[in-house]
Amino acid sequence: MNFQNDKAIYIQIAEFVMEKILRNEWVSDSKIRSVRDLGAELEVNPNTVMRAYDLLQNQDIIFNKRGLGFYVAAQARESVIQLKRKQFLEIELPRIFITMELLGISPEEIIENYKTRVS
């Protein structure tokens, strides 16, 4: 995994886990990689992975079965979608609008570009 410099590593790991859930690679009630295994895979300190897991646990995306490890919560996919939609609409989209305005890109151009990429 290539980490970005502008965001804390534990947040990027949490986003990595959320992407796995959105792609249905990690599904509800399935066991996820241990803190040590994921730390080794991503070449980060296990404490950093634990911090990411704590964040996800606080958001009810994963849960800990004492002595067994971490599992994907039943409503995890819906929670991730809700969280990512909110982040997109409140943070990313306003930045896109500013860039569009600065570059003189019309909403129609965006719609046309979207149609050609999705079709």
N, C-alpha and C. Protein backbone atom coordinates (compact mmCIF):
# COMPACT_ATOMS: atom_id res chain seq x y z
N MET A 1 0.85 -1.17 0.00
CA MET A 1 0.00 0.00 0.00
C MET A 1 0.89 1.23 0.00
N ASN A 2 0.58 2.16 -0.87
CA ASN A 2 1.32 3.42 -0.92
C ASN A 2 0.58 4.46 -0.09
N PHE A 3 1.22 4.89 0.98
CA PHE A 3 0.59 5.85 1.87
C PHE A 3 0.82 7.27 1.39
N GLN A 4 -0.20 8.12 1.59
CA GLN A 4 -0.11 9.53 1.24
C GLN A 4 0.45 10.30 2.43
N ASN A 5 1.14 11.38 2.13
CA ASN A 5 1.74 12.18 3.20
C ASN A 5 0.76 13.13 3.87
N ASP A 6 -0.37 13.40 3.22
CA ASP A 6 -1.29 14.41 3.73
C ASP A 6 -2.35 13.87 4.68
N LYS A 7 -2.28 12.58 5.00
CA LYS A 7 -3.29 11.97 5.85
C LYS A 7 -2.64 10.95 6.78
N ALA A 8 -3.09 10.88 8.02
CA ALA A 8 -2.52 9.94 8.98
C ALA A 8 -2.63 8.51 8.46
N ILE A 9 -1.61 7.71 8.72
CA ILE A 9 -1.56 6.34 8.21
C ILE A 9 -2.73 5.51 8.75
N TYR A 10 -3.08 5.68 10.02
CA TYR A 10 -4.16 4.87 10.57
C TYR A 10 -5.49 5.18 9.87
N ILE A 11 -5.69 6.41 9.43
CA ILE A 11 -6.90 6.77 8.70
C ILE A 11 -6.88 6.12 7.32
N GLN A 12 -5.73 6.08 6.69
CA GLN A 12 -5.61 5.43 5.39
C GLN A 12 -5.85 3.93 5.50
N ILE A 13 -5.43 3.33 6.60
CA ILE A 13 -5.68 1.91 6.83
C ILE A 13 -7.17 1.68 7.05
N ALA A 14 -7.82 2.56 7.80
CA ALA A 14 -9.27 2.45 8.00
C ALA A 14 -10.00 2.57 6.66
N GLU A 15 -9.54 3.47 5.80
CA GLU A 15 -10.14 3.61 4.47
C GLU A 15 -9.90 2.37 3.62
N PHE A 16 -8.74 1.75 3.78
CA PHE A 16 -8.42 0.49 3.09
C PHE A 16 -9.42 -0.59 3.49
N VAL A 17 -9.69 -0.70 4.78
CA VAL A 17 -10.65 -1.69 5.29
C VAL A 17 -12.05 -1.38 4.76
N MET A 18 -12.43 -0.10 4.79
CA MET A 18 -13.75 0.28 4.29
C MET A 18 -13.90 -0.04 2.81
N GLU A 19 -12.84 0.15 2.05
CA GLU A 19 -12.89 -0.18 0.62
C GLU A 19 -13.07 -1.68 0.42
N LYS A 20 -12.40 -2.49 1.22
CA LYS A 20 -12.56 -3.95 1.16
C LYS A 20 -14.03 -4.31 1.42
N ILE A 21 -14.65 -3.63 2.36
CA ILE A 21 -16.05 -3.88 2.69
C ILE A 21 -16.95 -3.43 1.54
N LEU A 22 -16.70 -2.25 0.98
CA LEU A 22 -17.52 -1.76 -0.14
C LEU A 22 -17.41 -2.66 -1.37
N ARG A 23 -16.24 -3.24 -1.58
CA ARG A 23 -16.03 -4.12 -2.73
C ARG A 23 -16.51 -5.55 -2.46
N ASN A 24 -17.11 -5.77 -1.28
CA ASN A 24 -17.59 -7.08 -0.85
C ASN A 24 -16.48 -8.12 -0.77
N GLU A 25 -15.25 -7.67 -0.57
CA GLU A 25 -14.14 -8.59 -0.34
C GLU A 25 -14.16 -9.06 1.12
N TRP A 26 -14.63 -8.19 2.01
CA TRP A 26 -14.83 -8.53 3.41
C TRP A 26 -16.31 -8.31 3.69
N VAL A 27 -17.03 -9.37 3.99
CA VAL A 27 -18.49 -9.31 4.14
C VAL A 27 -18.91 -9.42 5.60
N SER A 28 -20.17 -9.09 5.84
CA SER A 28 -20.73 -9.10 7.19
C SER A 28 -20.44 -10.41 7.91
N ASP A 29 -20.08 -10.26 9.17
CA ASP A 29 -19.82 -11.37 10.09
C ASP A 29 -18.60 -12.22 9.74
N SER A 30 -17.79 -11.76 8.78
CA SER A 30 -16.57 -12.51 8.45
C SER A 30 -15.41 -11.96 9.27
N LYS A 31 -14.49 -12.87 9.60
CA LYS A 31 -13.29 -12.49 10.36
C LYS A 31 -12.35 -11.73 9.43
N ILE A 32 -11.76 -10.66 9.96
CA ILE A 32 -10.79 -9.90 9.16
C ILE A 32 -9.39 -10.21 9.67
N ARG A 33 -8.40 -9.76 8.95
CA ARG A 33 -7.01 -10.03 9.31
C ARG A 33 -6.70 -9.52 10.72
N SER A 34 -5.86 -10.25 11.38
CA SER A 34 -5.45 -9.82 12.72
C SER A 34 -4.63 -8.54 12.61
N VAL A 35 -4.50 -7.85 13.71
CA VAL A 35 -3.73 -6.61 13.77
C VAL A 35 -2.30 -6.88 13.30
N ARG A 36 -1.71 -7.95 13.77
CA ARG A 36 -0.33 -8.28 13.39
C ARG A 36 -0.22 -8.65 11.92
N ASP A 37 -1.15 -9.46 11.42
CA ASP A 37 -1.10 -9.87 10.01
C ASP A 37 -1.25 -8.68 9.07
N LEU A 38 -2.21 -7.81 9.36
CA LEU A 38 -2.41 -6.65 8.50
C LEU A 38 -1.22 -5.70 8.61
N GLY A 39 -0.69 -5.56 9.81
CA GLY A 39 0.49 -4.72 10.00
C GLY A 39 1.67 -5.23 9.18
N ALA A 40 1.86 -6.54 9.18
CA ALA A 40 2.95 -7.14 8.40
C ALA A 40 2.71 -6.95 6.90
N GLU A 41 1.46 -7.17 6.47
CA GLU A 41 1.12 -7.02 5.06
C GLU A 41 1.35 -5.59 4.56
N LEU A 42 0.94 -4.62 5.38
CA LEU A 42 1.05 -3.22 4.98
C LEU A 42 2.40 -2.59 5.38
N GLU A 43 3.20 -3.37 6.09
CA GLU A 43 4.51 -2.92 6.56
C GLU A 43 4.41 -1.70 7.47
N VAL A 44 3.50 -1.81 8.44
CA VAL A 44 3.34 -0.76 9.44
C VAL A 44 3.34 -1.40 10.83
N ASN A 45 3.53 -0.58 11.82
CA ASN A 45 3.50 -1.03 13.20
C ASN A 45 2.10 -1.55 13.54
N PRO A 46 1.99 -2.69 14.22
CA PRO A 46 0.66 -3.20 14.62
C PRO A 46 -0.15 -2.19 15.44
N ASN A 47 0.53 -1.32 16.18
CA ASN A 47 -0.19 -0.29 16.95
C ASN A 47 -0.95 0.65 16.03
N THR A 48 -0.40 0.91 14.84
CA THR A 48 -1.07 1.77 13.86
C THR A 48 -2.32 1.08 13.34
N VAL A 49 -2.23 -0.21 13.08
CA VAL A 49 -3.40 -0.98 12.64
C VAL A 49 -4.45 -1.00 13.75
N MET A 50 -4.00 -1.19 14.99
CA MET A 50 -4.93 -1.21 16.11
C MET A 50 -5.67 0.11 16.23
N ARG A 51 -4.97 1.20 15.97
CA ARG A 51 -5.62 2.52 16.01
C ARG A 51 -6.70 2.61 14.94
N ALA A 52 -6.41 2.09 13.75
CA ALA A 52 -7.41 2.07 12.67
C ALA A 52 -8.59 1.19 13.06
N TYR A 53 -8.31 0.02 13.63
CA TYR A 53 -9.39 -0.88 14.05
C TYR A 53 -10.24 -0.24 15.15
N ASP A 54 -9.60 0.49 16.07
CA ASP A 54 -10.36 1.19 17.12
C ASP A 54 -11.31 2.22 16.49
N LEU A 55 -10.81 2.95 15.50
CA LEU A 55 -11.64 3.93 14.82
C LEU A 55 -12.84 3.25 14.16
N LEU A 56 -12.59 2.16 13.46
CA LEU A 56 -13.66 1.43 12.78
C LEU A 56 -14.63 0.80 13.77
N GLN A 57 -14.12 0.35 14.89
CA GLN A 57 -14.98 -0.23 15.92
C GLN A 57 -15.88 0.85 16.52
N ASN A 58 -15.35 2.04 16.73
CA ASN A 58 -16.15 3.15 17.26
C ASN A 58 -17.24 3.59 16.29
N GLN A 59 -17.04 3.31 15.00
CA GLN A 59 -18.03 3.66 13.98
C GLN A 59 -18.96 2.48 13.67
N ASP A 60 -18.87 1.41 14.48
CA ASP A 60 -19.71 0.21 14.32
C ASP A 60 -19.54 -0.45 12.95
N ILE A 61 -18.33 -0.41 12.40
CA ILE A 61 -18.04 -1.04 11.12
C ILE A 61 -17.44 -2.42 11.35
N ILE A 62 -16.65 -2.56 12.40
CA ILE A 62 -16.11 -3.86 12.80
C ILE A 62 -16.38 -4.03 14.29
N PHE A 63 -16.25 -5.27 14.76
CA PHE A 63 -16.39 -5.52 16.19
C PHE A 63 -15.40 -6.61 16.60
N ASN A 64 -15.10 -6.64 17.88
CA ASN A 64 -14.12 -7.58 18.42
C ASN A 64 -14.84 -8.69 19.16
N LYS A 65 -14.54 -9.93 18.78
CA LYS A 65 -14.99 -11.08 19.57
C LYS A 65 -13.80 -11.45 20.45
N ARG A 66 -13.95 -11.19 21.70
CA ARG A 66 -12.85 -11.36 22.65
C ARG A 66 -12.18 -12.73 22.48
N GLY A 67 -10.88 -12.67 22.24
CA GLY A 67 -10.09 -13.89 22.09
C GLY A 67 -10.13 -14.50 20.70
N LEU A 68 -11.02 -14.01 19.83
CA LEU A 68 -11.15 -14.58 18.49
C LEU A 68 -10.69 -13.63 17.39
N GLY A 69 -10.75 -12.33 17.65
CA GLY A 69 -10.31 -11.36 16.66
C GLY A 69 -11.42 -10.40 16.26
N PHE A 70 -11.17 -9.70 15.17
CA PHE A 70 -12.10 -8.70 14.68
C PHE A 70 -12.93 -9.25 13.53
N TYR A 71 -14.19 -8.81 13.49
CA TYR A 71 -15.15 -9.25 12.48
C TYR A 71 -15.85 -8.04 11.87
N VAL A 72 -16.34 -8.22 10.65
CA VAL A 72 -17.11 -7.17 9.97
C VAL A 72 -18.51 -7.15 10.58
N ALA A 73 -18.96 -5.99 10.98
CA ALA A 73 -20.29 -5.85 11.58
C ALA A 73 -21.39 -6.12 10.55
N ALA A 74 -22.55 -6.52 11.03
CA ALA A 74 -23.67 -6.89 10.16
C ALA A 74 -24.08 -5.75 9.24
N GLN A 75 -24.09 -4.53 9.74
CA GLN A 75 -24.52 -3.37 8.96
C GLN A 75 -23.33 -2.57 8.43
N ALA A 76 -22.16 -3.18 8.37
CA ALA A 76 -20.93 -2.46 8.02
C ALA A 76 -21.00 -1.80 6.65
N ARG A 77 -21.46 -2.52 5.65
CA ARG A 77 -21.48 -1.96 4.29
C ARG A 77 -22.35 -0.71 4.24
N GLU A 78 -23.53 -0.76 4.86
CA GLU A 78 -24.43 0.38 4.88
C GLU A 78 -23.80 1.54 5.65
N SER A 79 -23.13 1.24 6.76
CA SER A 79 -22.47 2.28 7.55
C SER A 79 -21.36 2.95 6.76
N VAL A 80 -20.58 2.14 6.03
CA VAL A 80 -19.49 2.70 5.22
C VAL A 80 -20.05 3.57 4.11
N ILE A 81 -21.10 3.10 3.44
CA ILE A 81 -21.71 3.88 2.36
C ILE A 81 -22.19 5.23 2.91
N GLN A 82 -22.86 5.19 4.03
CA GLN A 82 -23.38 6.42 4.65
C GLN A 82 -22.23 7.37 5.01
N LEU A 83 -21.19 6.85 5.61
CA LEU A 83 -20.04 7.65 6.01
C LEU A 83 -19.32 8.23 4.79
N LYS A 84 -19.08 7.41 3.77
CA LYS A 84 -18.37 7.87 2.57
C LYS A 84 -19.20 8.86 1.76
N ARG A 85 -20.51 8.65 1.69
CA ARG A 85 -21.39 9.61 0.99
C ARG A 85 -21.33 10.98 1.66
N LYS A 86 -21.41 10.97 2.99
CA LYS A 86 -21.36 12.22 3.75
C LYS A 86 -20.03 12.93 3.51
N GLN A 87 -18.93 12.17 3.57
CA GLN A 87 -17.60 12.73 3.33
C GLN A 87 -17.51 13.30 1.91
N PHE A 88 -18.02 12.59 0.93
CA PHE A 88 -17.97 13.06 -0.45
C PHE A 88 -18.78 14.34 -0.62
N LEU A 89 -20.02 14.34 -0.11
CA LEU A 89 -20.89 15.49 -0.30
C LEU A 89 -20.44 16.73 0.47
N GLU A 90 -19.85 16.54 1.65
CA GLU A 90 -19.48 17.68 2.49
C GLU A 90 -18.04 18.16 2.31
N ILE A 91 -17.16 17.27 1.84
CA ILE A 91 -15.75 17.65 1.74
C ILE A 91 -15.24 17.64 0.30
N GLU A 92 -15.40 16.52 -0.37
CA GLU A 92 -14.82 16.37 -1.71
C GLU A 92 -15.58 17.16 -2.78
N LEU A 93 -16.89 17.09 -2.77
CA LEU A 93 -17.68 17.77 -3.79
C LEU A 93 -17.51 19.29 -3.75
N PRO A 94 -17.51 19.94 -2.59
CA PRO A 94 -17.24 21.38 -2.58
C PRO A 94 -15.89 21.74 -3.20
N ARG A 95 -14.87 20.90 -2.98
CA ARG A 95 -13.56 21.13 -3.60
C ARG A 95 -13.65 21.02 -5.12
N ILE A 96 -14.42 20.05 -5.58
CA ILE A 96 -14.62 19.87 -7.02
C ILE A 96 -15.32 21.10 -7.60
N PHE A 97 -16.34 21.60 -6.92
CA PHE A 97 -17.07 22.79 -7.39
C PHE A 97 -16.13 24.00 -7.50
N ILE A 98 -15.25 24.16 -6.51
CA ILE A 98 -14.31 25.28 -6.54
C ILE A 98 -13.38 25.14 -7.75
N THR A 99 -12.87 23.93 -7.96
CA THR A 99 -11.98 23.68 -9.11
C THR A 99 -12.71 23.93 -10.42
N MET A 100 -13.96 23.48 -10.51
CA MET A 100 -14.76 23.71 -11.71
C MET A 100 -14.89 25.20 -11.99
N GLU A 101 -15.19 25.95 -10.95
CA GLU A 101 -15.36 27.40 -11.11
C GLU A 101 -14.05 28.06 -11.55
N LEU A 102 -12.96 27.67 -10.91
CA LEU A 102 -11.65 28.26 -11.25
C LEU A 102 -11.23 27.95 -12.68
N LEU A 103 -11.59 26.77 -13.17
CA LEU A 103 -11.19 26.35 -14.51
C LEU A 103 -12.25 26.61 -15.57
N GLY A 104 -13.39 27.14 -15.15
CA GLY A 104 -14.45 27.44 -16.11
C GLY A 104 -15.11 26.20 -16.69
N ILE A 105 -15.22 25.15 -15.88
CA ILE A 105 -15.86 23.91 -16.33
C ILE A 105 -17.33 23.96 -15.94
N SER A 106 -18.20 23.75 -16.90
CA SER A 106 -19.63 23.82 -16.64
C SER A 106 -20.16 22.47 -16.14
N PRO A 107 -21.28 22.51 -15.42
CA PRO A 107 -21.91 21.26 -15.00
C PRO A 107 -22.24 20.36 -16.20
N GLU A 108 -22.61 20.97 -17.31
CA GLU A 108 -22.93 20.20 -18.51
C GLU A 108 -21.71 19.40 -19.01
N GLU A 109 -20.53 20.03 -18.93
CA GLU A 109 -19.30 19.33 -19.32
C GLU A 109 -19.05 18.12 -18.42
N ILE A 110 -19.30 18.29 -17.15
CA ILE A 110 -19.11 17.20 -16.19
C ILE A 110 -20.09 16.07 -16.50
N ILE A 111 -21.35 16.41 -16.74
CA ILE A 111 -22.37 15.40 -17.05
C ILE A 111 -22.00 14.64 -18.32
N GLU A 112 -21.58 15.36 -19.34
CA GLU A 112 -21.19 14.72 -20.60
C GLU A 112 -19.99 13.79 -20.40
N ASN A 113 -19.02 14.26 -19.64
CA ASN A 113 -17.83 13.46 -19.34
C ASN A 113 -18.22 12.21 -18.54
N TYR A 114 -19.12 12.38 -17.59
CA TYR A 114 -19.60 11.26 -16.79
C TYR A 114 -20.28 10.21 -17.67
N LYS A 115 -21.14 10.67 -18.55
CA LYS A 115 -21.86 9.75 -19.45
C LYS A 115 -20.91 8.93 -20.31
N THR A 116 -19.85 9.56 -20.83
CA THR A 116 -18.92 8.83 -21.68
C THR A 116 -18.10 7.81 -20.89
N ARG A 117 -17.85 8.09 -19.63
CA ARG A 117 -17.06 7.16 -18.82
C ARG A 117 -17.88 6.01 -18.26
N VAL A 118 -19.15 6.25 -18.00
CA VAL A 118 -20.00 5.23 -17.41
C VAL A 118 -20.59 4.30 -18.48
N SER A 119 -20.84 4.84 -19.64
CA SER A 119 -21.46 4.04 -20.71
C SER A 119 -20.57 2.95 -21.21
